[in-house]
């Protein structure tokens, strides 16, 4: 089976196909002549034809398969191409949103109450205020002072200062980022969420790294439907600066995966969209890595009935295995072992590697006064990946990565910028909560990202860094000066800074929940129940076959002592016979 193109290639191919269908003329026109179909008529032809044959706008690749997977159950009762308000012309994204709100009057308010809008999350359990705009991570570090770049993936238009709450108006909500089904819509990688429009600067890039094109807002508006994997993936697959850089289990391989890559999302099996599990209620989606449901005791109900969770149990129940002897034993494991632990043996599958180490301390090296890069990792699809960038430092990558395993109760406590750290050891950017003694904890799989990040050597706190800003004298990616970069960012956020910095080793943990393997590829018993097996680092519980428990070791000692006693007794009797001679007459 042919592996699908990366998402940015999907964007380009789909847009080229649209242009072919929307215009005709010149030597390549099958009808001959030089007649050009007008843009509005071309858009109407594309949209109406798509509705007639498939119910939604979806471009086709040369193999005849949809590049953007058809969203299951789409079957809309509205043909948005017939709404006059959506025919444009539109000069900006907010103009499209204004048109959307003329019917969907409450949509903007709903979105503005979601974490997708606020990038802030108050965890009632830990008392921490988290969210993308508040935490420091092991990848690009921090959003504040780097807004135009980071908020390019925000579900809004023009958020240029994240230091306070997001107070932009409802017309700044970006409906098309999630609902465009034409493949024509995208966002620029450095414009705080705005799409590429005329005039387009030379060399402009999209949020997926593709060369940007001028978006046809009217076409996108008339194509709207339920979100597909490509909609969610245009941001979530590319977090951290590239395809699968951050999560490990979210990559462009999930656009149209083989069953072996993800048995739920594959068009050959479940063809799930993200929203099949991450159910939404008033634009608020179930599932959060800040407060994860690690042990779901709520029961199943019908798929889609429970809208507050994105758990395996909500569909498969807490007894998912058959009524056989082995099935009953496997069901016993569900109490202490997460489904993902057995059913996601590896992540970063499908030919797209994930970044496993990022060392910022080596960034800034130049050759002949100019930045340079090295590409010493070859992905299984043949693509060369950078292993050094003057702008970002050294990297390591991995494919088919075996997860890190830990006890987990769903709670994660972050090391926030004003928290004290101990630089003599590895600092955990986010600490996992859970233990073998807690009945709510289970053994979970994680991507453990290794990093090396800047910190204040006098205050022992993480520092903010300004890395993006082509027009500034302090952005690291422009000037390669850490002192200027850190001071500018710390001044921007108003955090204390001693003026002295160094770099500290870090770990950051990402729960692995995607790229579920088919049942026959799940872990077997001896994957864990053997010496030096996968769960060798798990403490607090005895795993038969891996090691002997204390009682077992004491038993072996007692057996050895008994054997020695028997041997000693035998030796003494032999010695006694030698001294006293034979007692037989």
Protein backbone atom coordinates (compact mmCIF):
# COMPACT_ATOMS: atom_id res chain seq x y z
CA UNK A 1 0.00 0.00 0.00
CA UNK A 2 1.37 3.40 -0.98
CA UNK A 3 2.09 5.69 1.96
CA UNK A 4 0.28 9.02 1.70
CA UNK A 5 2.18 12.22 1.03
CA UNK A 6 3.06 14.50 3.90
CA UNK A 7 0.36 16.97 4.79
CA UNK A 8 1.99 19.92 3.09
CA UNK A 9 2.22 17.85 -0.10
CA UNK A 10 -1.44 16.97 0.32
CA UNK A 11 -2.25 20.68 0.52
CA UNK A 12 -0.30 21.46 -2.64
CA UNK A 13 -1.71 18.55 -4.65
CA UNK A 14 -5.28 19.24 -3.63
CA UNK A 15 -4.95 22.91 -4.52
CA UNK A 16 -3.42 22.11 -7.92
CA UNK A 17 -6.28 19.72 -8.61
CA UNK A 18 -8.75 22.43 -7.69
CA UNK A 19 -7.07 24.88 -10.07
CA UNK A 20 -7.22 22.32 -12.87
CA UNK A 21 -10.93 21.82 -12.37
CA UNK A 22 -11.68 25.49 -11.86
CA UNK A 23 -10.12 26.72 -15.10
CA UNK A 24 -9.58 25.61 -18.64
CA UNK A 25 -7.71 27.11 -21.51
CA UNK A 26 -4.49 27.08 -23.52
CA UNK A 27 -2.82 24.09 -25.14
CA UNK A 28 -3.61 21.76 -22.26
CA UNK A 29 -7.35 22.37 -22.29
CA UNK A 30 -9.16 19.21 -23.48
CA UNK A 31 -11.79 21.37 -25.15
CA UNK A 32 -9.19 23.37 -27.03
CA UNK A 33 -9.15 27.11 -27.54
CA UNK A 34 -8.34 29.67 -24.90
CA UNK A 35 -11.67 30.05 -23.10
CA UNK A 36 -11.14 30.59 -19.35
CA UNK A 37 -13.87 29.66 -16.90
CA UNK A 38 -14.41 32.55 -14.49
CA UNK A 39 -13.27 32.06 -10.90
CA UNK A 40 -16.75 32.24 -9.37
CA UNK A 41 -18.14 29.82 -11.95
CA UNK A 42 -15.13 27.56 -11.48
CA UNK A 43 -15.70 27.47 -7.74
CA UNK A 44 -19.36 26.68 -8.24
CA UNK A 45 -18.54 23.83 -10.64
CA UNK A 46 -16.10 22.31 -8.15
CA UNK A 47 -18.37 22.62 -5.13
CA UNK A 48 -21.59 21.49 -6.86
CA UNK A 49 -19.87 18.55 -8.56
CA UNK A 50 -18.38 17.48 -5.27
CA UNK A 51 -21.73 17.68 -3.52
CA UNK A 52 -23.41 15.66 -6.28
CA UNK A 53 -20.85 12.86 -6.25
CA UNK A 54 -19.74 12.73 -2.65
CA UNK A 55 -21.46 15.22 -0.42
CA UNK A 56 -18.37 17.33 0.26
CA UNK A 57 -15.48 19.03 -1.48
CA UNK A 58 -12.55 16.62 -1.63
CA UNK A 59 -9.78 16.63 -4.20
CA UNK A 60 -8.53 13.38 -5.67
CA UNK A 61 -4.97 12.20 -6.15
CA UNK A 62 -3.77 10.25 -9.17
CA UNK A 63 -4.75 6.98 -7.51
CA UNK A 64 -8.37 8.03 -7.26
CA UNK A 65 -8.49 8.02 -3.45
CA UNK A 66 -9.48 11.09 -1.42
CA UNK A 67 -6.40 12.85 -0.15
CA UNK A 68 -8.47 14.28 2.68
CA UNK A 69 -10.43 11.33 4.09
CA UNK A 70 -14.17 11.52 3.80
CA UNK A 71 -15.63 12.40 7.18
CA UNK A 72 -17.92 9.55 8.30
CA UNK A 73 -21.56 10.53 8.66
CA UNK A 74 -21.10 13.88 6.93
CA UNK A 75 -24.45 13.80 5.08
CA UNK A 76 -25.16 17.48 5.73
CA UNK A 77 -28.66 18.82 5.11
CA UNK A 78 -27.18 22.13 3.97
CA UNK A 79 -25.27 22.85 0.75
CA UNK A 80 -23.14 25.81 1.76
CA UNK A 81 -22.34 26.63 -1.86
CA UNK A 82 -25.94 27.87 -2.21
CA UNK A 83 -25.70 30.49 0.53
CA UNK A 84 -25.30 33.96 -0.99
CA UNK A 85 -23.51 35.20 2.12
CA UNK A 86 -20.70 32.69 1.52
CA UNK A 87 -20.05 33.61 -2.10
CA UNK A 88 -17.85 36.53 -1.20
CA UNK A 89 -15.68 38.12 -2.21
CA UNK A 90 -13.83 38.10 1.12
CA UNK A 91 -10.78 40.20 1.87
CA UNK A 92 -9.90 38.56 5.21
CA UNK A 93 -10.57 35.62 7.46
CA UNK A 94 -12.69 37.66 9.90
CA UNK A 95 -15.00 38.58 7.02
CA UNK A 96 -15.69 34.88 6.48
CA UNK A 97 -16.34 34.39 10.19
CA UNK A 98 -18.81 37.28 10.16
CA UNK A 99 -20.70 35.51 7.36
CA UNK A 100 -20.68 32.22 9.30
CA UNK A 101 -22.04 33.93 12.41
CA UNK A 102 -25.03 35.25 10.49
CA UNK A 103 -26.43 31.71 10.84
CA UNK A 104 -24.32 30.06 13.53
CA UNK A 105 -24.98 32.84 16.00
CA UNK A 106 -23.49 31.18 19.10
CA UNK A 107 -20.46 29.46 17.56
CA UNK A 108 -17.96 32.22 18.33
CA UNK A 109 -18.95 32.37 22.01
CA UNK A 110 -18.63 28.59 22.28
CA UNK A 111 -15.17 28.56 20.74
CA UNK A 112 -14.08 31.42 22.98
CA UNK A 113 -14.85 29.22 26.02
CA UNK A 114 -12.51 26.47 24.84
CA UNK A 115 -8.83 25.79 25.47
CA UNK A 116 -8.30 26.02 21.72
CA UNK A 117 -9.06 29.74 22.09
CA UNK A 118 -7.67 30.62 25.51
CA UNK A 119 -4.56 28.42 25.50
CA UNK A 120 -5.03 28.44 29.27
CA UNK A 121 -6.24 25.72 31.63
CA UNK A 122 -6.85 25.89 35.39
CA UNK A 123 -6.20 22.48 36.92
CA UNK A 124 -8.40 22.28 40.01
CA UNK A 125 -6.57 19.17 41.24
CA UNK A 126 -3.02 20.57 41.21
CA UNK A 127 -3.91 24.25 41.53
CA UNK A 128 -1.72 25.13 38.55
CA UNK A 129 -2.66 27.38 35.63
CA UNK A 130 -1.42 25.56 32.56
CA UNK A 131 -2.06 25.82 28.84
CA UNK A 132 0.19 26.56 25.90
CA UNK A 133 0.59 30.25 26.71
CA UNK A 134 1.61 29.59 30.33
CA UNK A 135 3.99 26.61 30.33
CA UNK A 136 7.57 26.11 29.23
CA UNK A 137 8.17 23.07 27.03
CA UNK A 138 11.18 21.07 25.84
CA UNK A 139 10.76 22.10 22.20
CA UNK A 140 10.53 25.76 21.17
CA UNK A 141 10.37 26.80 24.80
CA UNK A 142 7.65 29.42 25.23
CA UNK A 143 4.96 31.33 23.34
CA UNK A 144 5.35 34.74 25.00
CA UNK A 145 7.69 36.98 22.96
CA UNK A 146 7.35 34.63 19.97
CA UNK A 147 3.65 35.22 19.30
CA UNK A 148 3.46 35.81 15.55
CA UNK A 149 5.15 32.47 14.96
CA UNK A 150 3.51 30.40 17.70
CA UNK A 151 -0.04 31.75 17.32
CA UNK A 152 0.03 30.92 13.62
CA UNK A 153 -1.67 27.70 14.80
CA UNK A 154 -4.18 29.47 17.02
CA UNK A 155 -7.85 28.99 16.16
CA UNK A 156 -8.19 32.70 15.64
CA UNK A 157 -6.84 35.64 13.68
CA UNK A 158 -4.26 38.10 14.98
CA UNK A 159 -3.44 37.09 18.58
CA UNK A 160 -0.18 38.99 18.97
CA UNK A 161 0.18 39.27 22.75
CA UNK A 162 -0.48 36.25 25.00
CA UNK A 163 0.54 37.91 28.27
CA UNK A 164 -3.08 38.52 29.18
CA UNK A 165 -6.37 36.80 28.45
CA UNK A 166 -7.42 36.44 24.84
CA UNK A 167 -9.97 39.26 24.48
CA UNK A 168 -10.27 39.36 20.70
CA UNK A 169 -13.77 39.75 19.26
CA UNK A 170 -15.90 36.88 17.99
CA UNK A 171 -15.18 37.69 14.35
CA UNK A 172 -11.54 36.81 15.09
CA UNK A 173 -12.50 33.14 15.54
CA UNK A 174 -11.17 31.08 12.64
CA UNK A 175 -14.02 28.80 11.47
CA UNK A 176 -12.16 27.58 8.40
CA UNK A 177 -9.17 26.09 10.21
CA UNK A 178 -11.42 23.30 11.49
CA UNK A 179 -14.25 23.23 8.94
CA UNK A 180 -12.70 23.85 5.50
CA UNK A 181 -13.06 20.70 3.39
CA UNK A 182 -11.69 22.07 0.11
CA UNK A 183 -8.01 21.60 0.93
CA UNK A 184 -7.47 25.14 -0.29
CA UNK A 185 -7.34 26.79 3.15
CA UNK A 186 -4.22 27.15 5.25
CA UNK A 187 -2.44 29.60 7.54
CA UNK A 188 0.88 31.39 7.21
CA UNK A 189 3.60 30.22 9.58
CA UNK A 190 4.38 33.70 10.94
CA UNK A 191 1.21 35.81 10.73
CA UNK A 192 -0.54 35.13 14.05
CA UNK A 193 -3.16 32.87 12.47
CA UNK A 194 -3.94 34.73 9.25
CA UNK A 195 -4.14 32.88 5.91
CA UNK A 196 -1.96 33.76 2.91
CA UNK A 197 -3.72 36.41 0.82
CA UNK A 198 -2.73 38.92 -1.82
CA UNK A 199 -0.12 40.34 -1.94
CA UNK A 200 1.82 37.17 -1.04
CA UNK A 201 5.44 37.69 -0.03
CA UNK A 202 8.10 35.69 -1.84
CA UNK A 203 9.21 32.65 0.13
CA UNK A 204 6.12 32.61 2.36
CA UNK A 205 5.43 29.29 4.10
CA UNK A 206 2.35 27.65 5.58
CA UNK A 207 2.10 26.18 9.08
CA UNK A 208 3.01 22.76 7.64
CA UNK A 209 6.17 24.04 5.96
CA UNK A 210 4.75 24.09 2.42
CA UNK A 211 5.27 26.99 0.03
CA UNK A 212 2.27 29.26 0.57
CA UNK A 213 -0.39 30.04 -2.03
CA UNK A 214 -3.13 32.66 -2.09
CA UNK A 215 -6.16 31.13 -0.36
CA UNK A 216 -9.55 31.37 -2.04
CA UNK A 217 -11.68 32.28 0.97
CA UNK A 218 -15.01 31.97 -0.87
CA UNK A 219 -14.19 28.46 -2.03
CA UNK A 220 -13.17 27.46 1.50
CA UNK A 221 -16.31 29.01 3.00
CA UNK A 222 -18.61 27.12 0.62
CA UNK A 223 -16.90 23.79 1.33
CA UNK A 224 -17.35 23.70 5.11
CA UNK A 225 -18.18 20.45 6.86
CA UNK A 226 -17.26 18.37 9.88
CA UNK A 227 -13.53 18.40 10.74
CA UNK A 228 -11.38 15.71 9.17
CA UNK A 229 -8.04 14.35 10.29
CA UNK A 230 -6.34 16.78 7.93
CA UNK A 231 -8.01 19.76 9.63
CA UNK A 232 -6.83 18.81 13.12
CA UNK A 233 -3.50 17.59 11.81
CA UNK A 234 -2.51 20.83 10.10
CA UNK A 235 -1.72 22.13 13.60
CA UNK A 236 -1.48 19.09 15.87
CA UNK A 237 0.70 16.99 13.56
CA UNK A 238 3.19 19.84 13.19
CA UNK A 239 3.61 21.04 16.80
CA UNK A 240 7.17 21.85 17.82
CA UNK A 241 8.28 22.96 14.39
CA UNK A 242 7.75 20.00 12.07
CA UNK A 243 5.97 16.78 11.21
CA UNK A 244 5.68 14.57 14.32
CA UNK A 245 8.34 16.57 16.15
CA UNK A 246 6.43 16.87 19.39
CA UNK A 247 3.91 14.15 20.25
CA UNK A 248 5.41 11.10 18.57
CA UNK A 249 2.00 9.54 17.89
CA UNK A 250 0.57 12.43 15.83
CA UNK A 251 1.96 12.81 12.32
CA UNK A 252 0.98 13.18 8.69
CA UNK A 253 1.05 9.37 8.52
CA UNK A 254 -2.43 9.54 10.10
CA UNK A 255 -3.97 11.37 7.14
CA UNK A 256 -4.57 8.03 5.43
CA UNK A 257 -2.83 5.37 7.52
CA UNK A 258 -2.53 1.66 6.93
CA UNK A 259 -4.25 -0.48 9.60
CA UNK A 260 -0.83 -1.35 11.02
CA UNK A 261 -0.18 2.36 11.66
CA UNK A 262 -3.54 3.08 13.30
CA UNK A 263 -6.33 0.52 13.24
CA UNK A 264 -8.95 3.13 14.17
CA UNK A 265 -8.03 5.84 11.66
CA UNK A 266 -7.21 3.67 8.66
CA UNK A 267 -9.73 4.07 5.79
CA UNK A 268 -9.48 0.26 5.44
CA UNK A 269 -10.82 -0.29 8.97
CA UNK A 270 -12.48 2.27 11.25
CA UNK A 271 -11.72 5.46 9.27
CA UNK A 272 -12.10 7.41 12.50
CA UNK A 273 -11.70 11.16 12.52
CA UNK A 274 -10.21 12.82 15.58
CA UNK A 275 -13.72 13.74 16.72
CA UNK A 276 -14.77 10.09 16.72
CA UNK A 277 -13.02 9.87 20.11
CA UNK A 278 -12.49 13.52 21.02
CA UNK A 279 -16.20 14.24 21.13
CA UNK A 280 -17.24 17.87 21.19
CA UNK A 281 -19.92 19.66 23.14
CA UNK A 282 -20.38 23.31 22.17
CA UNK A 283 -16.94 23.36 20.56
CA UNK A 284 -15.25 22.01 23.71
CA UNK A 285 -13.50 18.71 23.04
CA UNK A 286 -13.06 15.72 25.34
CA UNK A 287 -9.53 14.67 26.19
CA UNK A 288 -6.70 16.73 27.67
CA UNK A 289 -3.06 15.99 28.34
CA UNK A 290 -3.22 18.42 31.26
CA UNK A 291 -5.89 16.40 33.07
CA UNK A 292 -6.18 12.97 31.52
CA UNK A 293 -8.72 10.29 32.39
CA UNK A 294 -6.18 7.56 33.11
CA UNK A 295 -8.66 5.04 34.56
CA UNK A 296 -12.20 5.36 33.24
CA UNK A 297 -14.77 3.79 35.55
CA UNK A 298 -17.77 5.42 33.92
CA UNK A 299 -18.86 2.54 31.74
CA UNK A 300 -19.44 2.36 28.03
CA UNK A 301 -22.83 3.34 26.75
CA UNK A 302 -23.13 3.63 23.00
CA UNK A 303 -20.17 5.07 21.06
CA UNK A 304 -20.61 8.82 21.12
CA UNK A 305 -23.08 8.75 24.02
CA UNK A 306 -20.61 9.91 26.66
CA UNK A 307 -19.34 13.28 25.50
CA UNK A 308 -17.01 14.01 28.42
CA UNK A 309 -14.28 11.46 27.76
CA UNK A 310 -11.94 10.23 25.07
CA UNK A 311 -11.10 6.86 26.62
CA UNK A 312 -10.80 3.31 25.32
CA UNK A 313 -13.24 2.08 27.97
CA UNK A 314 -16.03 4.40 26.84
CA UNK A 315 -16.38 2.18 23.75
CA UNK A 316 -14.62 -1.07 24.65
CA UNK A 317 -15.66 -1.33 28.35
CA UNK A 318 -13.41 -2.32 31.24
CA UNK A 319 -13.65 -5.98 30.15
CA UNK A 320 -12.79 -5.76 26.44
CA UNK A 321 -11.39 -9.27 25.96
CA UNK A 322 -13.40 -12.36 25.14
CA UNK A 323 -14.84 -14.86 27.62
CA UNK A 324 -11.96 -17.31 27.34
CA UNK A 325 -9.31 -18.28 29.88
CA UNK A 326 -6.74 -15.95 28.31
CA UNK A 327 -9.40 -13.26 27.83
CA UNK A 328 -10.33 -13.37 31.49
CA UNK A 329 -6.67 -13.07 32.47
CA UNK A 330 -6.17 -10.12 30.11
CA UNK A 331 -9.24 -8.43 31.59
CA UNK A 332 -7.57 -8.71 35.00
CA UNK A 333 -4.75 -6.57 33.61
CA UNK A 334 -7.10 -3.70 32.70
CA UNK A 335 -7.34 -2.74 36.36
CA UNK A 336 -3.63 -1.82 36.53
CA UNK A 337 -2.44 -1.59 32.92
CA UNK A 338 -3.67 1.03 30.44
CA UNK A 339 -5.05 -0.32 27.17
CA UNK A 340 -2.46 1.74 25.30
CA UNK A 341 0.41 -0.07 27.03
CA UNK A 342 -0.33 -3.33 25.21
CA UNK A 343 -2.04 -2.01 22.10
CA UNK A 344 0.54 0.64 21.11
CA UNK A 345 3.78 -1.37 21.14
CA UNK A 346 5.64 1.43 19.31
CA UNK A 347 4.97 4.97 18.14
CA UNK A 348 6.34 7.17 15.33
CA UNK A 349 5.09 4.65 12.78
CA UNK A 350 4.17 4.97 9.12
CA UNK A 351 7.49 6.38 7.95
CA UNK A 352 7.49 9.64 9.91
CA UNK A 353 10.12 9.90 12.67
CA UNK A 354 9.75 11.85 15.90
CA UNK A 355 12.30 14.06 17.61
CA UNK A 356 13.61 12.35 20.75
CA UNK A 357 16.37 14.77 21.87
CA UNK A 358 16.80 18.54 21.49
CA UNK A 359 19.91 20.28 22.83
CA UNK A 360 19.53 24.07 22.70
CA UNK A 361 22.97 24.63 24.25
CA UNK A 362 24.78 23.95 20.97
CA UNK A 363 22.69 26.40 18.94
CA UNK A 364 24.38 29.49 17.54
CA UNK A 365 27.37 27.94 15.80
CA UNK A 366 28.21 29.59 12.48
CA UNK A 367 30.37 28.73 9.47
CA UNK A 368 32.04 31.67 7.79
CA UNK A 369 29.73 33.89 9.79
CA UNK A 370 26.61 32.23 8.47
CA UNK A 371 24.14 29.73 9.98
CA UNK A 372 24.30 26.16 8.70
CA UNK A 373 22.55 22.83 9.07
CA UNK A 374 23.40 19.13 9.03
CA UNK A 375 21.12 16.27 7.94
CA UNK A 376 22.41 12.97 9.28
CA UNK A 377 19.17 11.06 9.87
CA UNK A 378 17.36 9.31 7.05
CA UNK A 379 13.69 8.57 7.59
CA UNK A 380 12.37 5.23 6.33
CA UNK A 381 10.65 7.05 3.46
CA UNK A 382 14.05 8.35 2.36
CA UNK A 383 13.64 11.91 3.63
CA UNK A 384 16.72 13.49 5.22
CA UNK A 385 16.08 15.13 8.60
CA UNK A 386 18.18 17.80 10.26
CA UNK A 387 20.41 16.74 13.14
CA UNK A 388 21.89 20.21 13.66
CA UNK A 389 20.60 23.71 13.01
CA UNK A 390 22.41 26.90 13.97
CA UNK A 391 19.01 28.25 15.01
CA UNK A 392 18.02 25.32 17.23
CA UNK A 393 20.99 23.12 18.14
CA UNK A 394 21.45 19.34 18.04
CA UNK A 395 18.71 16.73 17.57
CA UNK A 396 18.11 13.00 17.64
CA UNK A 397 15.23 11.20 15.94
CA UNK A 398 13.54 7.83 16.19
CA UNK A 399 11.04 5.64 14.35
CA UNK A 400 9.03 2.74 15.77
CA UNK A 401 10.03 3.96 19.21
CA UNK A 402 9.36 1.76 22.26
CA UNK A 403 7.57 3.92 24.87
CA UNK A 404 8.74 4.85 28.33
CA UNK A 405 6.42 3.32 30.95
CA UNK A 406 5.29 4.80 34.27
CA UNK A 407 2.50 4.69 36.83
CA UNK A 408 -0.01 7.41 35.97
CA UNK A 409 -3.21 8.70 37.54
CA UNK A 410 -3.89 11.29 34.83
CA UNK A 411 -2.43 14.29 36.64
CA UNK A 412 0.63 16.17 35.42
CA UNK A 413 2.38 18.88 37.41
CA UNK A 414 4.47 21.30 35.39
CA UNK A 415 7.67 23.08 36.31
CA UNK A 416 6.46 26.61 35.69
CA UNK A 417 8.76 29.57 34.99
CA UNK A 418 8.68 30.78 38.62
CA UNK A 419 9.29 27.30 40.14
CA UNK A 420 12.72 26.53 41.58
CA UNK A 421 14.67 23.70 39.94
CA UNK A 422 17.64 21.57 40.96
CA UNK A 423 20.17 21.90 38.11
CA UNK A 424 22.42 19.15 39.53
CA UNK A 425 20.13 16.50 38.07
CA UNK A 426 17.71 16.03 35.21
CA UNK A 427 14.81 18.46 35.58
CA UNK A 428 11.34 17.18 34.72
CA UNK A 429 9.46 19.79 32.72
CA UNK A 430 6.27 17.95 33.69
CA UNK A 431 6.07 15.42 36.50
CA UNK A 432 3.78 12.41 36.23
CA UNK A 433 1.59 11.62 39.22
CA UNK A 434 0.77 8.03 40.14
CA UNK A 435 2.01 4.99 42.03
CA UNK A 436 1.44 1.28 42.46
CA UNK A 437 -0.26 2.01 45.79
CA UNK A 438 -2.93 4.18 44.15
CA UNK A 439 -5.90 2.18 42.80
CA UNK A 440 -6.58 5.00 40.32
CA UNK A 441 -3.16 4.66 38.71
CA UNK A 442 -2.26 2.39 35.83
CA UNK A 443 0.90 1.65 33.88
CA UNK A 444 0.90 4.02 30.90
CA UNK A 445 3.14 4.51 27.82
CA UNK A 446 4.85 7.85 27.19
CA UNK A 447 7.20 9.57 24.85
CA UNK A 448 10.00 10.83 27.09
CA UNK A 449 11.59 13.79 25.38
CA UNK A 450 15.17 14.54 26.34
CA UNK A 451 16.16 18.19 26.26
CA UNK A 452 18.74 20.73 27.29
CA UNK A 453 17.21 24.11 28.09
CA UNK A 454 18.25 27.52 29.36
CA UNK A 455 17.84 28.46 33.03
CA UNK A 456 18.85 31.26 35.41
CA UNK A 457 21.91 30.02 37.32
CA UNK A 458 21.32 32.36 40.26
CA UNK A 459 17.57 32.04 40.68
CA UNK A 460 17.44 28.40 39.52
CA UNK A 461 14.39 28.93 37.35
CA UNK A 462 13.65 28.28 33.69
CA UNK A 463 14.02 31.37 31.51
CA UNK A 464 11.94 32.59 28.59
CA UNK A 465 13.72 32.99 25.27
CA UNK A 466 12.85 35.16 22.31
CA UNK A 467 13.80 33.06 19.30
CA UNK A 468 11.53 34.49 16.57
CA UNK A 469 11.49 38.11 15.36
CA UNK A 470 13.17 38.89 12.02
CA UNK A 471 12.95 42.65 12.61
CA UNK A 472 14.33 42.70 16.16
CA UNK A 473 17.84 43.02 17.53
CA UNK A 474 17.26 40.35 20.18
CA UNK A 475 15.65 37.33 18.49
CA UNK A 476 18.01 34.37 18.64
CA UNK A 477 17.15 33.02 15.19
CA UNK A 478 18.27 36.33 13.71
CA UNK A 479 21.18 37.37 15.94
CA UNK A 480 22.36 34.12 17.61
CA UNK A 481 22.95 35.89 20.92
CA UNK A 482 21.51 34.06 23.94
CA UNK A 483 22.11 36.98 26.33
CA UNK A 484 20.00 39.34 24.23
CA UNK A 485 17.38 36.68 23.55
CA UNK A 486 16.84 35.78 27.21
CA UNK A 487 16.90 39.35 28.53
CA UNK A 488 14.41 40.55 25.90
CA UNK A 489 11.99 37.70 26.67
CA UNK A 490 12.27 38.05 30.46
CA UNK A 491 11.68 41.80 30.22
CA UNK A 492 8.68 41.16 27.96
CA UNK A 493 6.98 38.82 30.46
CA UNK A 494 8.09 40.79 33.52
CA UNK A 495 9.88 37.90 35.19
CA UNK A 496 12.98 38.43 37.42
CA UNK A 497 16.29 37.56 35.76
CA UNK A 498 19.78 37.65 37.29
CA UNK A 499 21.52 38.11 33.97
CA UNK A 500 23.37 34.79 34.26
CA UNK A 501 22.29 31.63 32.46
CA UNK A 502 23.36 28.15 31.54
CA UNK A 503 21.65 25.00 30.24
CA UNK A 504 20.18 22.08 32.17
CA UNK A 505 19.17 18.56 31.10
CA UNK A 506 15.40 17.97 31.03
CA UNK A 507 12.76 15.32 30.51
CA UNK A 508 9.27 16.00 29.19
CA UNK A 509 6.54 13.35 29.03
CA UNK A 510 3.83 12.98 26.38
CA UNK A 511 1.09 10.34 26.84
CA UNK A 512 0.89 7.93 23.91
CA UNK A 513 -2.72 7.32 22.85
CA UNK A 514 -2.69 7.21 19.04
CA UNK A 515 -1.24 4.75 16.50
CA UNK A 516 -3.15 1.82 17.97
CA UNK A 517 -2.04 -1.47 16.41
CA UNK A 518 -4.37 -4.23 15.20
CA UNK A 519 -5.21 -6.79 17.88
CA UNK A 520 -2.86 -9.41 16.46
CA UNK A 521 0.04 -6.96 16.77
CA UNK A 522 -0.57 -6.17 20.45
CA UNK A 523 2.11 -7.09 22.97
CA UNK A 524 2.34 -10.74 23.94
CA UNK A 525 2.79 -12.04 27.49
CA UNK A 526 6.55 -12.42 27.25
CA UNK A 527 6.90 -8.78 26.17
CA UNK A 528 6.55 -7.92 29.85
CA UNK A 529 6.72 -11.23 31.72
CA UNK A 530 10.41 -11.89 31.13
CA UNK A 531 13.71 -10.71 32.52
CA UNK A 532 14.81 -7.24 31.29
CA UNK A 533 11.51 -6.86 29.44
CA UNK A 534 9.56 -3.66 28.70
CA UNK A 535 8.34 -3.06 32.23
CA UNK A 536 11.66 -3.70 33.95
CA UNK A 537 11.70 -0.13 35.23
CA UNK A 538 8.26 -0.32 36.83
CA UNK A 539 8.43 -0.44 40.62
CA UNK A 540 5.97 -1.25 43.38
CA UNK A 541 4.46 -4.34 41.82
CA UNK A 542 5.60 -7.88 41.14
CA UNK A 543 5.49 -8.87 37.48
CA UNK A 544 5.70 -12.67 37.24
CA UNK A 545 8.57 -13.82 35.09
CA UNK A 546 10.51 -10.55 35.28
CA UNK A 547 12.12 -10.85 38.72
CA UNK A 548 11.66 -12.80 41.92
CA UNK A 549 9.72 -11.09 44.73
CA UNK A 550 11.32 -10.71 48.16
CA UNK A 551 9.52 -13.79 49.47
CA UNK A 552 10.79 -15.79 46.52
CA UNK A 553 14.34 -14.62 47.12
CA UNK A 554 14.07 -15.49 50.82
CA UNK A 555 12.78 -18.92 49.83
CA UNK A 556 15.79 -19.49 47.59
CA UNK A 557 18.12 -18.44 50.43
CA UNK A 558 16.40 -20.85 52.80
CA UNK A 559 16.61 -23.62 50.22
CA UNK A 560 20.31 -22.94 49.73
CA UNK A 561 20.89 -22.97 53.48
CA UNK A 562 18.98 -26.24 53.81
CA UNK A 563 21.08 -27.74 51.01
CA UNK A 564 24.25 -26.60 52.75
CA UNK A 565 23.02 -28.08 56.03
CA UNK A 566 22.35 -31.43 54.38
CA UNK A 567 25.75 -31.40 52.71
CA UNK A 568 27.45 -30.43 55.99
CA UNK A 569 25.66 -33.19 57.84
CA UNK A 570 26.79 -35.70 55.22
CA UNK A 571 30.39 -34.56 55.44
CA UNK A 572 30.36 -34.85 59.24
CA UNK A 573 28.98 -38.38 59.07
CA UNK A 574 31.65 -39.40 56.57
CA UNK A 575 34.34 -37.93 58.78
CA UNK A 576 32.88 -39.77 61.79
CA UNK A 577 33.01 -43.08 59.97
CA UNK A 578 36.64 -42.52 59.09
CA UNK A 579 37.67 -42.03 62.72
CA UNK A 580 35.64 -44.81 64.35
CA UNK A 581 36.06 -47.51 61.72
CA UNK A 582 33.41 -49.99 60.71
CA UNK A 583 30.63 -50.95 63.12
CA UNK A 584 29.77 -54.09 61.21
CA UNK A 585 30.86 -57.52 62.52
